[in-house]
PDB file of all heavy atoms in Angstrom:
ATOM      1  N   VAL A   1       0.929  -9.906  11.093  1.00  0.00           N
ATOM      2  CA  VAL A   1      -0.398 -10.480  11.301  1.00  0.00           C
ATOM      3  C   VAL A   1      -1.430  -9.355  11.328  1.00  0.00           C
ATOM      4  O   VAL A   1      -1.331  -8.424  12.127  1.00  0.00           O
ATOM      5  CB  VAL A   1      -0.454 -11.285  12.614  1.00  0.00           C
ATOM      6  CG1 VAL A   1      -1.843 -11.902  12.783  1.00  0.00           C
ATOM      7  CG2 VAL A   1       0.621 -12.375  12.617  1.00  0.00           C
ATOM      8  N   LEU A   2      -2.441  -9.454  10.465  1.00  0.00           N
ATOM      9  CA  LEU A   2      -3.505  -8.457  10.385  1.00  0.00           C
ATOM     10  C   LEU A   2      -4.766  -8.884  11.120  1.00  0.00           C
ATOM     11  O   LEU A   2      -5.569  -8.035  11.523  1.00  0.00           O
ATOM     12  CB  LEU A   2      -3.848  -8.183   8.913  1.00  0.00           C
ATOM     13  CG  LEU A   2      -2.681  -7.842   7.988  1.00  0.00           C
ATOM     14  CD1 LEU A   2      -3.192  -7.611   6.573  1.00  0.00           C
ATOM     15  CD2 LEU A   2      -1.915  -6.624   8.497  1.00  0.00           C
ATOM     16  N   LYS A   3      -4.938 -10.197  11.285  1.00  0.00           N
ATOM     17  CA  LYS A   3      -6.165 -10.702  11.899  1.00  0.00           C
ATOM     18  C   LYS A   3      -5.938 -12.144  12.346  1.00  0.00           C
ATOM     19  O   LYS A   3      -5.237 -12.907  11.676  1.00  0.00           O
ATOM     20  CB  LYS A   3      -7.332 -10.642  10.895  1.00  0.00           C
ATOM     21  CG  LYS A   3      -8.597 -11.394  11.286  1.00  0.00           C
ATOM     22  CD  LYS A   3      -9.293 -10.793  12.500  1.00  0.00           C
ATOM     23  CE  LYS A   3     -10.562 -11.575  12.865  1.00  0.00           C
ATOM     24  NZ  LYS A   3     -11.162 -11.097  14.118  1.00  0.00           N
ATOM     25  N   THR A   4      -6.537 -12.512  13.476  1.00  0.00           N
ATOM     26  CA  THR A   4      -6.476 -13.881  13.976  1.00  0.00           C
ATOM     27  C   THR A   4      -7.890 -14.453  14.038  1.00  0.00           C
ATOM     28  O   THR A   4      -8.803 -13.795  14.539  1.00  0.00           O
ATOM     29  CB  THR A   4      -5.834 -13.932  15.373  1.00  0.00           C
ATOM     30  OG1 THR A   4      -4.522 -13.364  15.298  1.00  0.00           O
ATOM     31  CG2 THR A   4      -5.744 -15.359  15.882  1.00  0.00           C
ATOM     32  N   TYR A   5      -8.056 -15.658  13.514  1.00  0.00           N
ATOM     33  CA  TYR A   5      -9.332 -16.363  13.571  1.00  0.00           C
ATOM     34  C   TYR A   5      -9.151 -17.680  14.336  1.00  0.00           C
ATOM     35  O   TYR A   5      -8.081 -18.281  14.292  1.00  0.00           O
ATOM     36  CB  TYR A   5      -9.865 -16.720  12.181  1.00  0.00           C
ATOM     37  CG  TYR A   5     -10.032 -15.586  11.208  1.00  0.00           C
ATOM     38  CD1 TYR A   5      -9.003 -15.246  10.332  1.00  0.00           C
ATOM     39  CD2 TYR A   5     -11.220 -14.869  11.125  1.00  0.00           C
ATOM     40  CE1 TYR A   5      -9.150 -14.222   9.408  1.00  0.00           C
ATOM     41  CE2 TYR A   5     -11.379 -13.841  10.198  1.00  0.00           C
ATOM     42  CZ  TYR A   5     -10.337 -13.528   9.351  1.00  0.00           C
ATOM     43  OH  TYR A   5     -10.485 -12.517   8.435  1.00  0.00           O
ATOM     44  N   TYR A   6     -10.203 -18.115  15.000  1.00  0.00           N
ATOM     45  CA  TYR A   6     -10.280 -19.495  15.490  1.00  0.00           C
ATOM     46  C   TYR A   6     -11.450 -20.154  14.775  1.00  0.00           C
ATOM     47  O   TYR A   6     -12.605 -19.831  15.031  1.00  0.00           O
ATOM     48  CB  TYR A   6     -10.453 -19.543  17.012  1.00  0.00           C
ATOM     49  CG  TYR A   6      -9.137 -19.490  17.752  1.00  0.00           C
ATOM     50  CD1 TYR A   6      -8.624 -18.283  18.197  1.00  0.00           C
ATOM     51  CD2 TYR A   6      -8.392 -20.650  17.965  1.00  0.00           C
ATOM     52  CE1 TYR A   6      -7.404 -18.225  18.856  1.00  0.00           C
ATOM     53  CE2 TYR A   6      -7.164 -20.597  18.625  1.00  0.00           C
ATOM     54  CZ  TYR A   6      -6.682 -19.387  19.066  1.00  0.00           C
ATOM     55  OH  TYR A   6      -5.471 -19.342  19.712  1.00  0.00           O
ATOM     56  N   THR A   7     -11.147 -21.042  13.851  1.00  0.00           N
ATOM     57  CA  THR A   7     -12.178 -21.670  13.036  1.00  0.00           C
ATOM     58  C   THR A   7     -12.637 -22.965  13.695  1.00  0.00           C
ATOM     59  O   THR A   7     -11.843 -23.640  14.377  1.00  0.00           O
ATOM     60  CB  THR A   7     -11.654 -21.980  11.629  1.00  0.00           C
ATOM     61  OG1 THR A   7     -10.602 -22.946  11.731  1.00  0.00           O
ATOM     62  CG2 THR A   7     -11.096 -20.720  10.980  1.00  0.00           C
ATOM     63  N   PRO A   8     -13.903 -23.339  13.505  1.00  0.00           N
ATOM     64  CA  PRO A   8     -14.401 -24.587  14.104  1.00  0.00           C
ATOM     65  C   PRO A   8     -13.659 -25.820  13.585  1.00  0.00           C
ATOM     66  O   PRO A   8     -13.472 -26.787  14.306  1.00  0.00           O
ATOM     67  CB  PRO A   8     -15.877 -24.616  13.698  1.00  0.00           C
ATOM     68  CG  PRO A   8     -16.227 -23.203  13.350  1.00  0.00           C
ATOM     69  CD  PRO A   8     -14.967 -22.594  12.822  1.00  0.00           C
ATOM     70  N   GLN A   9     -13.201 -25.768  12.312  1.00  0.00           N
ATOM     71  CA  GLN A   9     -12.586 -26.961  11.724  1.00  0.00           C
ATOM     72  C   GLN A   9     -11.069 -26.976  11.909  1.00  0.00           C
ATOM     73  O   GLN A   9     -10.500 -27.952  12.387  1.00  0.00           O
ATOM     74  CB  GLN A   9     -12.904 -27.031  10.222  1.00  0.00           C
ATOM     75  CG  GLN A   9     -14.382 -27.039   9.890  1.00  0.00           C
ATOM     76  CD  GLN A   9     -14.981 -25.643   9.814  1.00  0.00           C
ATOM     77  OE1 GLN A   9     -14.264 -24.654   9.794  1.00  0.00           O
ATOM     78  NE2 GLN A   9     -16.304 -25.581   9.785  1.00  0.00           N
ATOM     79  N   GLY A  10     -10.407 -25.886  11.529  1.00  0.00           N
ATOM     80  CA  GLY A  10      -8.957 -25.917  11.437  1.00  0.00           C
ATOM     81  C   GLY A  10      -8.208 -25.260  12.567  1.00  0.00           C
ATOM     82  O   GLY A  10      -6.993 -25.120  12.502  1.00  0.00           O
ATOM     83  N   GLY A  11      -8.895 -24.797  13.602  1.00  0.00           N
ATOM     84  CA  GLY A  11      -8.200 -24.162  14.705  1.00  0.00           C
ATOM     85  C   GLY A  11      -7.774 -22.751  14.363  1.00  0.00           C
ATOM     86  O   GLY A  11      -8.484 -22.015  13.668  1.00  0.00           O
ATOM     87  N   LYS A  12      -6.575 -22.378  14.796  1.00  0.00           N
ATOM     88  CA  LYS A  12      -6.108 -21.002  14.660  1.00  0.00           C
ATOM     89  C   LYS A  12      -5.648 -20.710  13.237  1.00  0.00           C
ATOM     90  O   LYS A  12      -4.945 -21.495  12.621  1.00  0.00           O
ATOM     91  CB  LYS A  12      -4.964 -20.742  15.647  1.00  0.00           C
ATOM     92  CG  LYS A  12      -4.502 -19.296  15.677  1.00  0.00           C
ATOM     93  CD  LYS A  12      -3.457 -19.085  16.761  1.00  0.00           C
ATOM     94  CE  LYS A  12      -3.007 -17.640  16.810  1.00  0.00           C
ATOM     95  NZ  LYS A  12      -2.016 -17.401  17.872  1.00  0.00           N
ATOM     96  N   LEU A  13      -6.058 -19.540  12.741  1.00  0.00           N
ATOM     97  CA  LEU A  13      -5.705 -19.094  11.397  1.00  0.00           C
ATOM     98  C   LEU A  13      -5.280 -17.634  11.505  1.00  0.00           C
ATOM     99  O   LEU A  13      -6.013 -16.804  12.050  1.00  0.00           O
ATOM    100  CB  LEU A  13      -6.905 -19.236  10.463  1.00  0.00           C
ATOM    101  CG  LEU A  13      -6.662 -19.405   8.965  1.00  0.00           C
ATOM    102  CD1 LEU A  13      -5.839 -20.654   8.692  1.00  0.00           C
ATOM    103  CD2 LEU A  13      -7.991 -19.467   8.235  1.00  0.00           C
ATOM    104  N   SER A  14      -4.091 -17.303  10.976  1.00  0.00           N
ATOM    105  CA  SER A  14      -3.562 -15.938  11.045  1.00  0.00           C
ATOM    106  C   SER A  14      -3.502 -15.344   9.650  1.00  0.00           C
ATOM    107  O   SER A  14      -2.831 -15.889   8.762  1.00  0.00           O
ATOM    108  CB  SER A  14      -2.158 -15.932  11.664  1.00  0.00           C
ATOM    109  OG  SER A  14      -2.168 -16.473  12.974  1.00  0.00           O
ATOM    110  N   LEU A  15      -4.209 -14.236   9.433  1.00  0.00           N
ATOM    111  CA  LEU A  15      -4.174 -13.520   8.157  1.00  0.00           C
ATOM    112  C   LEU A  15      -2.962 -12.590   8.176  1.00  0.00           C
ATOM    113  O   LEU A  15      -2.847 -11.739   9.064  1.00  0.00           O
ATOM    114  CB  LEU A  15      -5.463 -12.720   7.963  1.00  0.00           C
ATOM    115  CG  LEU A  15      -5.702 -12.101   6.588  1.00  0.00           C
ATOM    116  CD1 LEU A  15      -5.975 -13.195   5.559  1.00  0.00           C
ATOM    117  CD2 LEU A  15      -6.859 -11.112   6.626  1.00  0.00           C
ATOM    118  N   VAL A  16      -2.038 -12.753   7.221  1.00  0.00           N
ATOM    119  CA  VAL A  16      -0.781 -12.009   7.266  1.00  0.00           C
ATOM    120  C   VAL A  16      -0.514 -11.303   5.945  1.00  0.00           C
ATOM    121  O   VAL A  16      -0.906 -11.770   4.869  1.00  0.00           O
ATOM    122  CB  VAL A  16       0.423 -12.917   7.610  1.00  0.00           C
ATOM    123  CG1 VAL A  16       0.192 -13.648   8.922  1.00  0.00           C
ATOM    124  CG2 VAL A  16       0.708 -13.913   6.495  1.00  0.00           C
ATOM    125  N   ARG A  17       0.154 -10.156   6.050  1.00  0.00           N
ATOM    126  CA  ARG A  17       0.680  -9.452   4.870  1.00  0.00           C
ATOM    127  C   ARG A  17       2.147  -9.820   4.741  1.00  0.00           C
ATOM    128  O   ARG A  17       2.928  -9.670   5.676  1.00  0.00           O
ATOM    129  CB  ARG A  17       0.537  -7.945   5.045  1.00  0.00           C
ATOM    130  CG  ARG A  17       1.403  -7.078   4.097  1.00  0.00           C
ATOM    131  CD  ARG A  17       0.860  -7.056   2.682  1.00  0.00           C
ATOM    132  NE  ARG A  17       1.761  -6.360   1.754  1.00  0.00           N
ATOM    133  CZ  ARG A  17       1.463  -5.230   1.128  1.00  0.00           C
ATOM    134  NH1 ARG A  17       0.301  -4.639   1.352  1.00  0.00           N
ATOM    135  NH2 ARG A  17       2.308  -4.685   0.284  1.00  0.00           N
ATOM    136  N   VAL A  18       2.524 -10.308   3.555  1.00  0.00           N
ATOM    137  CA  VAL A  18       3.922 -10.646   3.292  1.00  0.00           C
ATOM    138  C   VAL A  18       4.609  -9.392   2.760  1.00  0.00           C
ATOM    139  O   VAL A  18       4.288  -8.910   1.673  1.00  0.00           O
ATOM    140  CB  VAL A  18       4.049 -11.796   2.274  1.00  0.00           C
ATOM    141  CG1 VAL A  18       5.508 -12.225   2.161  1.00  0.00           C
ATOM    142  CG2 VAL A  18       3.167 -12.972   2.659  1.00  0.00           C
ATOM    143  N   TRP A  19       5.554  -8.857   3.523  1.00  0.00           N
ATOM    144  CA  TRP A  19       6.238  -7.635   3.118  1.00  0.00           C
ATOM    145  C   TRP A  19       7.516  -7.930   2.330  1.00  0.00           C
ATOM    146  O   TRP A  19       7.927  -7.138   1.481  1.00  0.00           O
ATOM    147  CB  TRP A  19       6.581  -6.788   4.339  1.00  0.00           C
ATOM    148  CG  TRP A  19       5.389  -6.173   4.988  1.00  0.00           C
ATOM    149  CD1 TRP A  19       4.766  -6.562   6.137  1.00  0.00           C
ATOM    150  CD2 TRP A  19       4.647  -5.051   4.502  1.00  0.00           C
ATOM    151  NE1 TRP A  19       3.679  -5.761   6.407  1.00  0.00           N
ATOM    152  CE2 TRP A  19       3.587  -4.812   5.409  1.00  0.00           C
ATOM    153  CE3 TRP A  19       4.759  -4.211   3.398  1.00  0.00           C
ATOM    154  CZ2 TRP A  19       2.668  -3.787   5.255  1.00  0.00           C
ATOM    155  CZ3 TRP A  19       3.841  -3.184   3.228  1.00  0.00           C
ATOM    156  CH2 TRP A  19       2.815  -2.983   4.153  1.00  0.00           C
ATOM    157  N   GLN A  20       8.158  -9.039   2.627  1.00  0.00           N
ATOM    158  CA  GLN A  20       9.437  -9.343   1.995  1.00  0.00           C
ATOM    159  C   GLN A  20       9.632 -10.846   1.924  1.00  0.00           C
ATOM    160  O   GLN A  20       9.149 -11.583   2.785  1.00  0.00           O
ATOM    161  CB  GLN A  20      10.566  -8.708   2.817  1.00  0.00           C
ATOM    162  CG  GLN A  20      11.969  -9.026   2.333  1.00  0.00           C
ATOM    163  CD  GLN A  20      13.019  -8.388   3.220  1.00  0.00           C
ATOM    164  OE1 GLN A  20      13.276  -7.199   3.121  1.00  0.00           O
ATOM    165  NE2 GLN A  20      13.614  -9.176   4.109  1.00  0.00           N
ATOM    166  N   GLY A  21      10.342 -11.301   0.909  1.00  0.00           N
ATOM    167  CA  GLY A  21      10.625 -12.722   0.786  1.00  0.00           C
ATOM    168  C   GLY A  21       9.374 -13.508   0.418  1.00  0.00           C
ATOM    169  O   GLY A  21       8.434 -12.980  -0.164  1.00  0.00           O
ATOM    170  N   SER A  22       9.367 -14.772   0.777  1.00  0.00           N
ATOM    171  CA  SER A  22       8.218 -15.623   0.486  1.00  0.00           C
ATOM    172  C   SER A  22       7.920 -16.505   1.691  1.00  0.00           C
ATOM    173  O   SER A  22       8.798 -16.772   2.516  1.00  0.00           O
ATOM    174  CB  SER A  22       8.483 -16.491  -0.748  1.00  0.00           C
ATOM    175  OG  SER A  22       9.589 -17.351  -0.518  1.00  0.00           O
ATOM    176  N   LEU A  23       6.668 -16.929   1.790  1.00  0.00           N
ATOM    177  CA  LEU A  23       6.236 -17.849   2.834  1.00  0.00           C
ATOM    178  C   LEU A  23       5.912 -19.198   2.191  1.00  0.00           C
ATOM    179  O   LEU A  23       5.376 -19.253   1.086  1.00  0.00           O
ATOM    180  CB  LEU A  23       4.997 -17.325   3.561  1.00  0.00           C
ATOM    181  CG  LEU A  23       5.099 -15.960   4.245  1.00  0.00           C
ATOM    182  CD1 LEU A  23       3.803 -15.645   4.990  1.00  0.00           C
ATOM    183  CD2 LEU A  23       6.287 -15.905   5.190  1.00  0.00           C
ATOM    184  N   THR A  24       6.233 -20.260   2.901  1.00  0.00           N
ATOM    185  CA  THR A  24       5.926 -21.604   2.422  1.00  0.00           C
ATOM    186  C   THR A  24       5.206 -22.376   3.514  1.00  0.00           C
ATOM    187  O   THR A  24       5.257 -22.006   4.696  1.00  0.00           O
ATOM    188  CB  THR A  24       7.204 -22.363   2.031  1.00  0.00           C
ATOM    189  OG1 THR A  24       8.094 -22.370   3.160  1.00  0.00           O
ATOM    190  CG2 THR A  24       7.883 -21.706   0.847  1.00  0.00           C
TER     191      THR A  24
END
């Protein structure tokens, strides 16, 4: 996780760097 946001619409949002594999 590089950054955490709390947005007015969608709640918590985590900006992440994917180092290995894939995220779904």
